[in-house]
Amino acid sequence: MNQPIEFKAAISAITKPTSQSSVVPRCRIIALLLVCFGLLPMNAFGVVPAPDGGYPGGNTAEGDGALFHLTTGVDNTAIGDFALFNNTTANDNTAIGFEALVDNLTGSNNTAIGFAALISNETGSNNTASGMNALFSNDIGHENTATGAVALFSNTTGSENTANGASTLFSNTTGSANTANGASALQSNTIGSVNTASAASALQNTLLMVPLRSKTTPPAPPTRQTVLIRS
């Protein structure tokens, strides 16, 4: 059985000269040991190989074409081929998935998770899209939340909408301040605003509900249409 060798004793044995002829070989051994110890990593990463994809300005990119056109934007995360491809100066965006936020130019604080989520967004900010093609057509709309496949798919300039469920608010284009909870809720709504639909397919065929009052509209209080279906 091999006996353990004390490191200090081994070094002592190497460095203690016994004759002049053995001094040169032992010096070479000592130099070799010093080189080996010098090559050891001082601060090794917890995973091997070490993470890559980190770039200046707190940006992270993984995937072909991810953050391809970035100039001065900071704190962006792009994971997936062509994620945030056209992003230049925008900050604090997160895109995970193939072509997520691919057309984003200056919109900031957006989160897109899923294939082609927020793919058409250019200047809209503070949007959250989770699901395949969620907020697919959104261009300048802001403060929208779409959770589920093709939720708020057709939205372009509508803002402050909340869609939870597959195909919710699917046809909405310019309507704002709508809330749809449940698959296909408010699916056909296009320009109506301030609507609330809770339950699957609730107000599914609604085309026009209550438009938001503009500055030139007579000051009549808007009404709210609410449908709540309980199972």
Protein backbone atom coordinates (compact mmCIF):
# COMPACT_ATOMS: atom_id res chain seq x y z
CA MET A 1 0.00 0.00 0.00
CA ASN A 2 1.33 3.43 -0.91
CA GLN A 3 2.09 5.62 2.07
CA PRO A 4 1.01 9.29 2.01
CA ILE A 5 3.88 11.68 1.50
CA GLU A 6 4.04 14.84 3.53
CA PHE A 7 4.23 17.85 1.18
CA LYS A 8 6.65 19.72 3.46
CA ALA A 9 8.87 16.67 3.72
CA ALA A 10 8.86 16.25 -0.05
CA ILE A 11 9.87 19.86 -0.60
CA SER A 12 12.52 19.56 2.09
CA ALA A 13 13.91 16.46 0.43
CA ILE A 14 14.04 18.22 -2.91
CA THR A 15 15.65 21.40 -1.66
CA LYS A 16 18.21 19.80 0.68
CA PRO A 17 21.38 19.43 -1.35
CA THR A 18 23.41 16.26 -0.89
CA SER A 19 26.02 16.96 -3.47
CA GLN A 20 26.91 19.70 -5.94
CA SER A 21 25.94 17.50 -8.88
CA SER A 22 22.35 17.19 -7.65
CA VAL A 23 21.80 20.93 -7.08
CA VAL A 24 21.00 21.76 -10.73
CA PRO A 25 18.36 19.01 -11.23
CA ARG A 26 16.67 19.93 -7.97
CA CYS A 27 16.57 23.58 -8.93
CA ARG A 28 14.86 22.61 -12.13
CA ILE A 29 12.29 20.60 -10.17
CA ILE A 30 11.60 23.56 -7.86
CA ALA A 31 11.16 25.88 -10.84
CA LEU A 32 8.74 23.39 -12.41
CA LEU A 33 6.69 23.25 -9.21
CA LEU A 34 6.48 27.03 -9.04
CA VAL A 35 5.27 27.21 -12.65
CA CYS A 36 2.62 24.54 -12.01
CA PHE A 37 1.30 26.31 -8.91
CA GLY A 38 1.27 29.62 -10.82
CA LEU A 39 -0.96 28.15 -13.50
CA LEU A 40 -3.67 27.10 -11.06
CA PRO A 41 -6.80 29.32 -11.35
CA MET A 42 -7.21 31.66 -8.42
CA ASN A 43 -11.00 32.16 -8.79
CA ALA A 44 -12.55 29.23 -10.64
CA PHE A 45 -16.17 29.43 -11.85
CA GLY A 46 -18.74 27.12 -10.32
CA VAL A 47 -19.51 25.64 -13.74
CA VAL A 48 -17.19 24.35 -16.44
CA PRO A 49 -16.77 25.73 -19.03
CA ALA A 50 -17.10 29.23 -17.60
CA PRO A 51 -20.21 31.18 -18.72
CA ASP A 52 -19.83 33.25 -21.85
CA GLY A 53 -22.11 35.74 -23.57
CA GLY A 54 -21.43 38.62 -21.19
CA TYR A 55 -20.68 41.91 -22.94
CA PRO A 56 -19.96 45.49 -21.86
CA GLY A 57 -22.80 47.53 -20.42
CA GLY A 58 -24.35 44.60 -18.58
CA ASN A 59 -25.61 43.04 -21.82
CA THR A 60 -25.98 39.29 -22.33
CA ALA A 61 -26.38 37.64 -25.72
CA GLU A 62 -26.57 33.96 -26.66
CA GLY A 63 -27.60 32.82 -30.14
CA ASP A 64 -26.94 33.69 -33.76
CA GLY A 65 -27.70 37.37 -34.36
CA ALA A 66 -28.69 38.10 -30.77
CA LEU A 67 -28.25 41.84 -30.02
CA PHE A 68 -26.58 42.07 -33.43
CA HIS A 69 -27.04 45.84 -33.91
CA LEU A 70 -26.53 46.98 -30.33
CA THR A 71 -24.79 50.34 -29.98
CA THR A 72 -25.23 52.07 -26.62
CA GLY A 73 -28.05 50.08 -25.00
CA VAL A 74 -27.32 48.61 -21.57
CA ASP A 75 -28.64 45.84 -19.32
CA ASN A 76 -30.30 43.87 -22.14
CA THR A 77 -30.61 40.09 -22.21
CA ALA A 78 -31.10 38.27 -25.51
CA ILE A 79 -31.20 34.47 -25.58
CA GLY A 80 -32.14 32.79 -28.83
CA ASP A 81 -31.38 33.26 -32.50
CA PHE A 82 -32.01 36.88 -33.60
CA ALA A 83 -33.42 37.87 -30.21
CA LEU A 84 -33.29 41.69 -29.96
CA PHE A 85 -31.59 41.63 -33.36
CA ASN A 86 -32.28 45.29 -34.27
CA ASN A 87 -31.99 46.75 -30.78
CA THR A 88 -29.64 49.75 -30.81
CA THR A 89 -29.98 52.14 -27.88
CA ALA A 90 -32.81 50.62 -25.84
CA ASN A 91 -32.17 49.46 -22.28
CA ASP A 92 -33.41 46.85 -19.81
CA ASN A 93 -35.06 44.49 -22.29
CA THR A 94 -35.26 40.73 -21.90
CA ALA A 95 -35.89 38.53 -24.94
CA ILE A 96 -35.88 34.74 -24.68
CA GLY A 97 -36.83 32.76 -27.75
CA PHE A 98 -36.31 32.71 -31.51
CA GLU A 99 -36.77 36.25 -32.91
CA ALA A 100 -38.21 37.56 -29.65
CA LEU A 101 -38.23 41.38 -29.82
CA VAL A 102 -36.35 41.08 -33.12
CA ASP A 103 -37.47 44.49 -34.45
CA ASN A 104 -37.08 46.43 -31.23
CA LEU A 105 -35.24 49.71 -31.82
CA THR A 106 -35.66 52.06 -28.86
CA GLY A 107 -38.36 50.45 -26.72
CA SER A 108 -37.17 49.77 -23.18
CA ASN A 109 -38.21 47.68 -20.19
CA ASN A 110 -39.87 45.02 -22.34
CA THR A 111 -39.97 41.31 -21.55
CA ALA A 112 -40.62 38.80 -24.33
CA ILE A 113 -40.56 35.07 -23.62
CA GLY A 114 -41.47 32.66 -26.38
CA PHE A 115 -41.14 32.17 -30.13
CA ALA A 116 -41.62 35.53 -31.92
CA ALA A 117 -43.01 37.23 -28.81
CA LEU A 118 -43.21 41.02 -29.34
CA ILE A 119 -41.55 40.41 -32.71
CA SER A 120 -42.83 43.65 -34.30
CA ASN A 121 -42.22 45.97 -31.37
CA GLU A 122 -40.10 49.00 -32.29
CA THR A 123 -40.64 51.79 -29.77
CA GLY A 124 -43.19 50.40 -27.32
CA SER A 125 -42.02 50.14 -23.73
CA ASN A 126 -42.98 48.37 -20.51
CA ASN A 127 -44.66 45.47 -22.32
CA THR A 128 -44.66 41.87 -21.14
CA ALA A 129 -45.35 39.01 -23.55
CA SER A 130 -45.17 35.38 -22.46
CA GLY A 131 -46.09 32.76 -25.03
CA MET A 132 -45.66 31.99 -28.70
CA ASN A 133 -46.53 35.05 -30.83
CA ALA A 134 -47.82 36.96 -27.83
CA LEU A 135 -48.16 40.68 -28.69
CA PHE A 136 -46.95 39.68 -32.16
CA SER A 137 -48.04 42.87 -33.98
CA ASN A 138 -47.37 45.38 -31.23
CA ASP A 139 -45.45 48.38 -32.58
CA ILE A 140 -45.70 51.35 -30.26
CA GLY A 141 -48.21 50.11 -27.67
CA HIS A 142 -47.01 50.29 -24.09
CA GLU A 143 -47.83 48.84 -20.67
CA ASN A 144 -49.46 45.75 -22.19
CA THR A 145 -49.37 42.30 -20.61
CA ALA A 146 -50.05 39.22 -22.71
CA THR A 147 -49.80 35.74 -21.24
CA GLY A 148 -50.57 32.78 -23.48
CA ALA A 149 -50.07 31.77 -27.10
CA VAL A 150 -51.17 34.53 -29.56
CA ALA A 151 -52.57 36.66 -26.73
CA LEU A 152 -53.02 40.27 -27.96
CA PHE A 153 -51.71 39.01 -31.30
CA SER A 154 -53.06 41.89 -33.46
CA ASN A 155 -52.41 44.73 -31.04
CA THR A 156 -50.48 47.57 -32.69
CA THR A 157 -50.92 50.81 -30.73
CA GLY A 158 -53.29 49.78 -27.96
CA SER A 159 -51.93 50.28 -24.47
CA GLU A 160 -52.56 49.20 -20.89
CA ASN A 161 -54.27 45.96 -21.92
CA THR A 162 -54.08 42.75 -19.92
CA ALA A 163 -54.70 39.43 -21.64
CA ASN A 164 -54.36 36.17 -19.75
CA GLY A 165 -55.01 33.01 -21.75
CA ALA A 166 -54.49 31.68 -25.26
CA SER A 167 -56.05 33.91 -27.96
CA THR A 168 -57.29 36.48 -25.46
CA LEU A 169 -57.83 39.89 -27.07
CA PHE A 170 -56.53 38.26 -30.27
CA SER A 171 -58.03 40.83 -32.70
CA ASN A 172 -57.45 43.92 -30.58
CA THR A 173 -55.57 46.57 -32.56
CA THR A 174 -55.94 50.01 -30.97
CA GLY A 175 -58.23 49.34 -28.01
CA SER A 176 -56.79 50.23 -24.62
CA ALA A 177 -57.35 49.47 -20.94
CA ASN A 178 -59.02 46.12 -21.63
CA THR A 179 -58.78 43.12 -19.33
CA ALA A 180 -59.43 39.59 -20.58
CA ASN A 181 -58.99 36.51 -18.43
CA GLY A 182 -59.61 33.09 -19.95
CA ALA A 183 -58.91 31.46 -23.28
CA SER A 184 -60.41 33.43 -26.20
CA ALA A 185 -61.90 36.09 -23.93
CA LEU A 186 -62.58 39.30 -25.90
CA GLN A 187 -61.10 37.49 -28.88
CA SER A 188 -62.84 39.59 -31.56
CA ASN A 189 -62.53 42.98 -29.89
CA THR A 190 -60.71 45.38 -32.23
CA ILE A 191 -60.84 49.02 -31.10
CA GLY A 192 -63.06 48.85 -28.03
CA SER A 193 -61.61 50.03 -24.74
CA VAL A 194 -62.23 49.74 -21.00
CA ASN A 195 -63.76 46.25 -21.26
CA THR A 196 -63.45 43.42 -18.76
CA ALA A 197 -64.14 39.79 -19.63
CA SER A 198 -63.53 36.93 -17.22
CA ALA A 199 -63.94 33.26 -18.22
CA ALA A 200 -63.17 31.32 -21.32
CA SER A 201 -64.74 32.81 -24.48
CA ALA A 202 -66.33 35.67 -22.52
CA LEU A 203 -67.29 38.54 -24.89
CA GLN A 204 -65.62 36.50 -27.61
CA ASN A 205 -67.57 38.09 -30.46
CA THR A 206 -67.47 41.69 -29.26
CA LEU A 207 -66.25 44.04 -32.00
CA LEU A 208 -66.72 47.48 -30.51
CA MET A 209 -67.45 48.27 -26.90
CA VAL A 210 -66.60 51.58 -25.26
CA PRO A 211 -63.97 53.85 -26.91
CA LEU A 212 -61.81 55.95 -24.64
CA ARG A 213 -62.89 59.59 -24.47
CA SER A 214 -60.40 61.95 -26.12
CA LYS A 215 -59.81 65.62 -25.31
CA THR A 216 -62.24 66.70 -28.05
CA THR A 217 -65.06 64.38 -26.98
CA PRO A 218 -67.88 65.90 -24.89
CA PRO A 219 -67.20 65.19 -21.22
CA ALA A 220 -69.67 62.35 -20.76
CA PRO A 221 -68.67 59.71 -18.19
CA PRO A 222 -67.63 56.47 -19.94
CA THR A 223 -69.49 53.29 -19.14
CA ARG A 224 -67.85 50.02 -18.41
CA GLN A 225 -68.93 46.69 -19.82
CA THR A 226 -68.19 43.76 -17.55
CA VAL A 227 -68.98 40.11 -18.05
CA LEU A 228 -68.26 37.66 -15.27
CA ILE A 229 -69.12 34.02 -15.72
CA ARG A 230 -68.76 31.63 -12.85
CA SER A 231 -68.70 27.89 -13.31
